[in-house]
């Protein structure tokens, strides 16, 4: 029973990797034949890749960053503290013992460290916004 599961996992890996890295159908077929796949099977997989590459990419985009999604965030200044900020972070799908769970974490930061972190996060956001992912990974080959 493990052989069919292994075969399906292998096909899934091949098709998602080819879609993710924008592999041309001809190159994909050549690589499959070098791995020892018969020509008929290679042709079928190339047709599948051509037919479903856009759908596979859409699913990959939808599923990316779905682990450790930020659920809630709050910031407070605890009483009886000097220069301390408390961050409460809720994570929707944190992997704990191999399973996704909703978790909560509390982090205490020095006020200066919090300002430094905020400035660095703003710089990262600006960099990410200036980097056009849609243009780089367009659907056209």
C-alpha atoms as a PDB file:
ATOM      1  CA  UNK A   1       0.000   0.000   0.000  1.00  0.00           C
ATOM      2  CA  UNK A   2       3.012   2.301   0.414  1.00  0.00           C
ATOM      3  CA  UNK A   3       4.003   2.111  -3.276  1.00  0.00           C
ATOM      4  CA  UNK A   4       0.899   3.967  -4.581  1.00  0.00           C
ATOM      5  CA  UNK A   5       1.273   6.630  -1.886  1.00  0.00           C
ATOM      6  CA  UNK A   6       4.930   7.032  -2.773  1.00  0.00           C
ATOM      7  CA  UNK A   7       4.102   7.306  -6.467  1.00  0.00           C
ATOM      8  CA  UNK A   8       1.464   9.964  -5.874  1.00  0.00           C
ATOM      9  CA  UNK A   9       3.805  11.902  -3.583  1.00  0.00           C
ATOM     10  CA  UNK A  10       6.503  11.747  -6.251  1.00  0.00           C
ATOM     11  CA  UNK A  11       4.150  13.008  -8.979  1.00  0.00           C
ATOM     12  CA  UNK A  12       2.938  15.790  -6.718  1.00  0.00           C
ATOM     13  CA  UNK A  13       6.512  16.836  -5.969  1.00  0.00           C
ATOM     14  CA  UNK A  14       7.494  16.816  -9.646  1.00  0.00           C
ATOM     15  CA  UNK A  15       4.476  18.829 -10.822  1.00  0.00           C
ATOM     16  CA  UNK A  16       4.578  21.387  -8.010  1.00  0.00           C
ATOM     17  CA  UNK A  17       8.332  21.891  -8.371  1.00  0.00           C
ATOM     18  CA  UNK A  18       8.042  22.357 -12.123  1.00  0.00           C
ATOM     19  CA  UNK A  19       5.191  24.837 -11.636  1.00  0.00           C
ATOM     20  CA  UNK A  20       6.941  26.700  -8.840  1.00  0.00           C
ATOM     21  CA  UNK A  21      10.154  27.183 -10.803  1.00  0.00           C
ATOM     22  CA  UNK A  22       8.454  28.004 -14.119  1.00  0.00           C
ATOM     23  CA  UNK A  23       9.982  25.015 -15.901  1.00  0.00           C
ATOM     24  CA  UNK A  24       9.338  24.699 -19.609  1.00  0.00           C
ATOM     25  CA  UNK A  25       7.458  21.578 -20.657  1.00  0.00           C
ATOM     26  CA  UNK A  26      10.287  20.392 -22.919  1.00  0.00           C
ATOM     27  CA  UNK A  27      12.881  20.737 -20.143  1.00  0.00           C
ATOM     28  CA  UNK A  28      10.552  18.968 -17.723  1.00  0.00           C
ATOM     29  CA  UNK A  29      10.146  16.073 -20.156  1.00  0.00           C
ATOM     30  CA  UNK A  30      13.886  15.793 -20.717  1.00  0.00           C
ATOM     31  CA  UNK A  31      14.542  15.670 -16.985  1.00  0.00           C
ATOM     32  CA  UNK A  32      11.868  13.011 -16.480  1.00  0.00           C
ATOM     33  CA  UNK A  33      13.372  10.839 -19.199  1.00  0.00           C
ATOM     34  CA  UNK A  34      16.817  11.231 -17.644  1.00  0.00           C
ATOM     35  CA  UNK A  35      15.287   9.922 -14.423  1.00  0.00           C
ATOM     36  CA  UNK A  36      14.221   6.821 -16.363  1.00  0.00           C
ATOM     37  CA  UNK A  37      10.519   7.502 -16.939  1.00  0.00           C
ATOM     38  CA  UNK A  38       9.165   5.986 -20.179  1.00  0.00           C
ATOM     39  CA  UNK A  39       8.510   8.379 -23.055  1.00  0.00           C
ATOM     40  CA  UNK A  40       4.727   7.808 -22.962  1.00  0.00           C
ATOM     41  CA  UNK A  41       4.527   8.626 -19.253  1.00  0.00           C
ATOM     42  CA  UNK A  42       6.711  11.673 -19.753  1.00  0.00           C
ATOM     43  CA  UNK A  43       4.412  12.956 -22.500  1.00  0.00           C
ATOM     44  CA  UNK A  44       1.369  12.557 -20.246  1.00  0.00           C
ATOM     45  CA  UNK A  45       3.045  14.414 -17.372  1.00  0.00           C
ATOM     46  CA  UNK A  46       4.101  17.213 -19.729  1.00  0.00           C
ATOM     47  CA  UNK A  47       0.502  17.556 -20.938  1.00  0.00           C
ATOM     48  CA  UNK A  48      -0.686  17.657 -17.321  1.00  0.00           C
ATOM     49  CA  UNK A  49       1.872  20.339 -16.503  1.00  0.00           C
ATOM     50  CA  UNK A  50       0.814  22.449 -19.486  1.00  0.00           C
ATOM     51  CA  UNK A  51      -2.881  22.061 -18.667  1.00  0.00           C
ATOM     52  CA  UNK A  52      -2.704  22.718 -14.926  1.00  0.00           C
ATOM     53  CA  UNK A  53       0.325  24.943 -14.366  1.00  0.00           C
ATOM     54  CA  UNK A  54      -1.819  28.027 -13.671  1.00  0.00           C
ATOM     55  CA  UNK A  55      -4.057  26.172 -11.221  1.00  0.00           C
ATOM     56  CA  UNK A  56      -1.068  24.645  -9.432  1.00  0.00           C
ATOM     57  CA  UNK A  57       0.563  28.066  -9.079  1.00  0.00           C
ATOM     58  CA  UNK A  58      -2.681  29.559  -7.767  1.00  0.00           C
ATOM     59  CA  UNK A  59      -2.905  26.857  -5.093  1.00  0.00           C
ATOM     60  CA  UNK A  60       0.768  27.323  -4.187  1.00  0.00           C
ATOM     61  CA  UNK A  61       0.255  31.078  -3.760  1.00  0.00           C
ATOM     62  CA  UNK A  62      -2.880  30.527  -1.713  1.00  0.00           C
ATOM     63  CA  UNK A  63      -1.198  28.006   0.570  1.00  0.00           C
ATOM     64  CA  UNK A  64       2.092  29.843   0.990  1.00  0.00           C
ATOM     65  CA  UNK A  65       2.604  31.492   4.365  1.00  0.00           C
ATOM     66  CA  UNK A  66      -0.369  29.614   5.796  1.00  0.00           C
ATOM     67  CA  UNK A  67       1.709  28.253   8.670  1.00  0.00           C
ATOM     68  CA  UNK A  68       2.271  30.591  11.609  1.00  0.00           C
ATOM     69  CA  UNK A  69      -0.272  33.131  10.391  1.00  0.00           C
ATOM     70  CA  UNK A  70      -0.654  36.124  12.665  1.00  0.00           C
ATOM     71  CA  UNK A  71      -4.103  35.969  14.260  1.00  0.00           C
ATOM     72  CA  UNK A  72      -4.087  38.687  16.928  1.00  0.00           C
ATOM     73  CA  UNK A  73      -1.657  41.300  18.112  1.00  0.00           C
ATOM     74  CA  UNK A  74      -1.809  43.690  21.038  1.00  0.00           C
ATOM     75  CA  UNK A  75       0.644  46.013  22.701  1.00  0.00           C
ATOM     76  CA  UNK A  76       0.422  47.288  26.262  1.00  0.00           C
ATOM     77  CA  UNK A  77       2.534  48.965  28.896  1.00  0.00           C
ATOM     78  CA  UNK A  78       2.455  46.898  32.075  1.00  0.00           C
ATOM     79  CA  UNK A  79       1.932  48.705  35.373  1.00  0.00           C
ATOM     80  CA  UNK A  80       4.901  49.263  37.672  1.00  0.00           C
ATOM     81  CA  UNK A  81       7.499  48.986  34.887  1.00  0.00           C
ATOM     82  CA  UNK A  82       9.971  51.455  33.477  1.00  0.00           C
ATOM     83  CA  UNK A  83      10.652  51.486  29.745  1.00  0.00           C
ATOM     84  CA  UNK A  84       8.967  48.134  29.127  1.00  0.00           C
ATOM     85  CA  UNK A  85       6.428  47.177  26.471  1.00  0.00           C
ATOM     86  CA  UNK A  86       4.482  43.926  26.442  1.00  0.00           C
ATOM     87  CA  UNK A  87       3.474  42.397  23.107  1.00  0.00           C
ATOM     88  CA  UNK A  88       0.835  39.676  22.940  1.00  0.00           C
ATOM     89  CA  UNK A  89       0.938  37.719  19.701  1.00  0.00           C
ATOM     90  CA  UNK A  90      -1.679  35.168  18.682  1.00  0.00           C
ATOM     91  CA  UNK A  91      -0.677  32.695  15.982  1.00  0.00           C
ATOM     92  CA  UNK A  92      -3.331  30.815  14.041  1.00  0.00           C
ATOM     93  CA  UNK A  93      -1.545  27.757  12.640  1.00  0.00           C
ATOM     94  CA  UNK A  94       1.618  27.278  14.662  1.00  0.00           C
ATOM     95  CA  UNK A  95       3.030  23.791  14.283  1.00  0.00           C
ATOM     96  CA  UNK A  96       3.248  22.191  17.742  1.00  0.00           C
ATOM     97  CA  UNK A  97       4.232  18.511  17.957  1.00  0.00           C
ATOM     98  CA  UNK A  98       3.613  18.176  14.218  1.00  0.00           C
ATOM     99  CA  UNK A  99       0.055  19.562  14.320  1.00  0.00           C
ATOM    100  CA  UNK A 100      -1.222  23.088  13.629  1.00  0.00           C
ATOM    101  CA  UNK A 101      -2.589  24.770  16.747  1.00  0.00           C
ATOM    102  CA  UNK A 102      -3.778  28.221  17.728  1.00  0.00           C
ATOM    103  CA  UNK A 103      -1.235  29.598  20.201  1.00  0.00           C
ATOM    104  CA  UNK A 104      -0.514  32.799  22.091  1.00  0.00           C
ATOM    105  CA  UNK A 105       2.860  34.275  23.058  1.00  0.00           C
ATOM    106  CA  UNK A 106       3.778  37.185  25.305  1.00  0.00           C
ATOM    107  CA  UNK A 107       7.002  39.096  24.701  1.00  0.00           C
ATOM    108  CA  UNK A 108       8.436  41.813  26.940  1.00  0.00           C
ATOM    109  CA  UNK A 109      10.660  44.377  25.230  1.00  0.00           C
ATOM    110  CA  UNK A 110      12.609  47.396  26.277  1.00  0.00           C
ATOM    111  CA  UNK A 111      10.987  50.521  24.797  1.00  0.00           C
ATOM    112  CA  UNK A 112      14.143  51.350  22.784  1.00  0.00           C
ATOM    113  CA  UNK A 113      14.263  47.801  21.404  1.00  0.00           C
ATOM    114  CA  UNK A 114      10.602  48.070  20.417  1.00  0.00           C
ATOM    115  CA  UNK A 115      11.261  51.294  18.494  1.00  0.00           C
ATOM    116  CA  UNK A 116      14.241  49.691  16.767  1.00  0.00           C
ATOM    117  CA  UNK A 117      12.125  46.641  15.871  1.00  0.00           C
ATOM    118  CA  UNK A 118       9.356  48.881  14.524  1.00  0.00           C
ATOM    119  CA  UNK A 119      11.789  50.805  12.305  1.00  0.00           C
ATOM    120  CA  UNK A 120      13.294  47.577  10.968  1.00  0.00           C
ATOM    121  CA  UNK A 121       9.846  46.136  10.231  1.00  0.00           C
ATOM    122  CA  UNK A 122       8.902  49.324   8.361  1.00  0.00           C
ATOM    123  CA  UNK A 123      12.084  49.056   6.285  1.00  0.00           C
ATOM    124  CA  UNK A 124      11.293  45.421   5.462  1.00  0.00           C
ATOM    125  CA  UNK A 125       7.724  46.359   4.512  1.00  0.00           C
ATOM    126  CA  UNK A 126       8.976  49.101   2.172  1.00  0.00           C
ATOM    127  CA  UNK A 127      11.428  46.676   0.569  1.00  0.00           C
ATOM    128  CA  UNK A 128       8.712  44.056   0.099  1.00  0.00           C
ATOM    129  CA  UNK A 129       6.328  46.606  -1.423  1.00  0.00           C
ATOM    130  CA  UNK A 130       8.976  47.820  -3.874  1.00  0.00           C
ATOM    131  CA  UNK A 131       9.705  44.251  -4.958  1.00  0.00           C
ATOM    132  CA  UNK A 132       7.058  43.330  -7.522  1.00  0.00           C
ATOM    133  CA  UNK A 133       6.398  39.616  -6.980  1.00  0.00           C
ATOM    134  CA  UNK A 134       3.575  39.491  -9.524  1.00  0.00           C
ATOM    135  CA  UNK A 135       5.824  40.806 -12.271  1.00  0.00           C
ATOM    136  CA  UNK A 136       8.694  38.458 -11.421  1.00  0.00           C
ATOM    137  CA  UNK A 137       6.491  35.375 -11.147  1.00  0.00           C
ATOM    138  CA  UNK A 138       3.995  36.190 -13.861  1.00  0.00           C
ATOM    139  CA  UNK A 139       1.804  33.467 -15.270  1.00  0.00           C
ATOM    140  CA  UNK A 140       3.345  33.845 -18.712  1.00  0.00           C
ATOM    141  CA  UNK A 141       6.250  31.643 -19.695  1.00  0.00           C
END
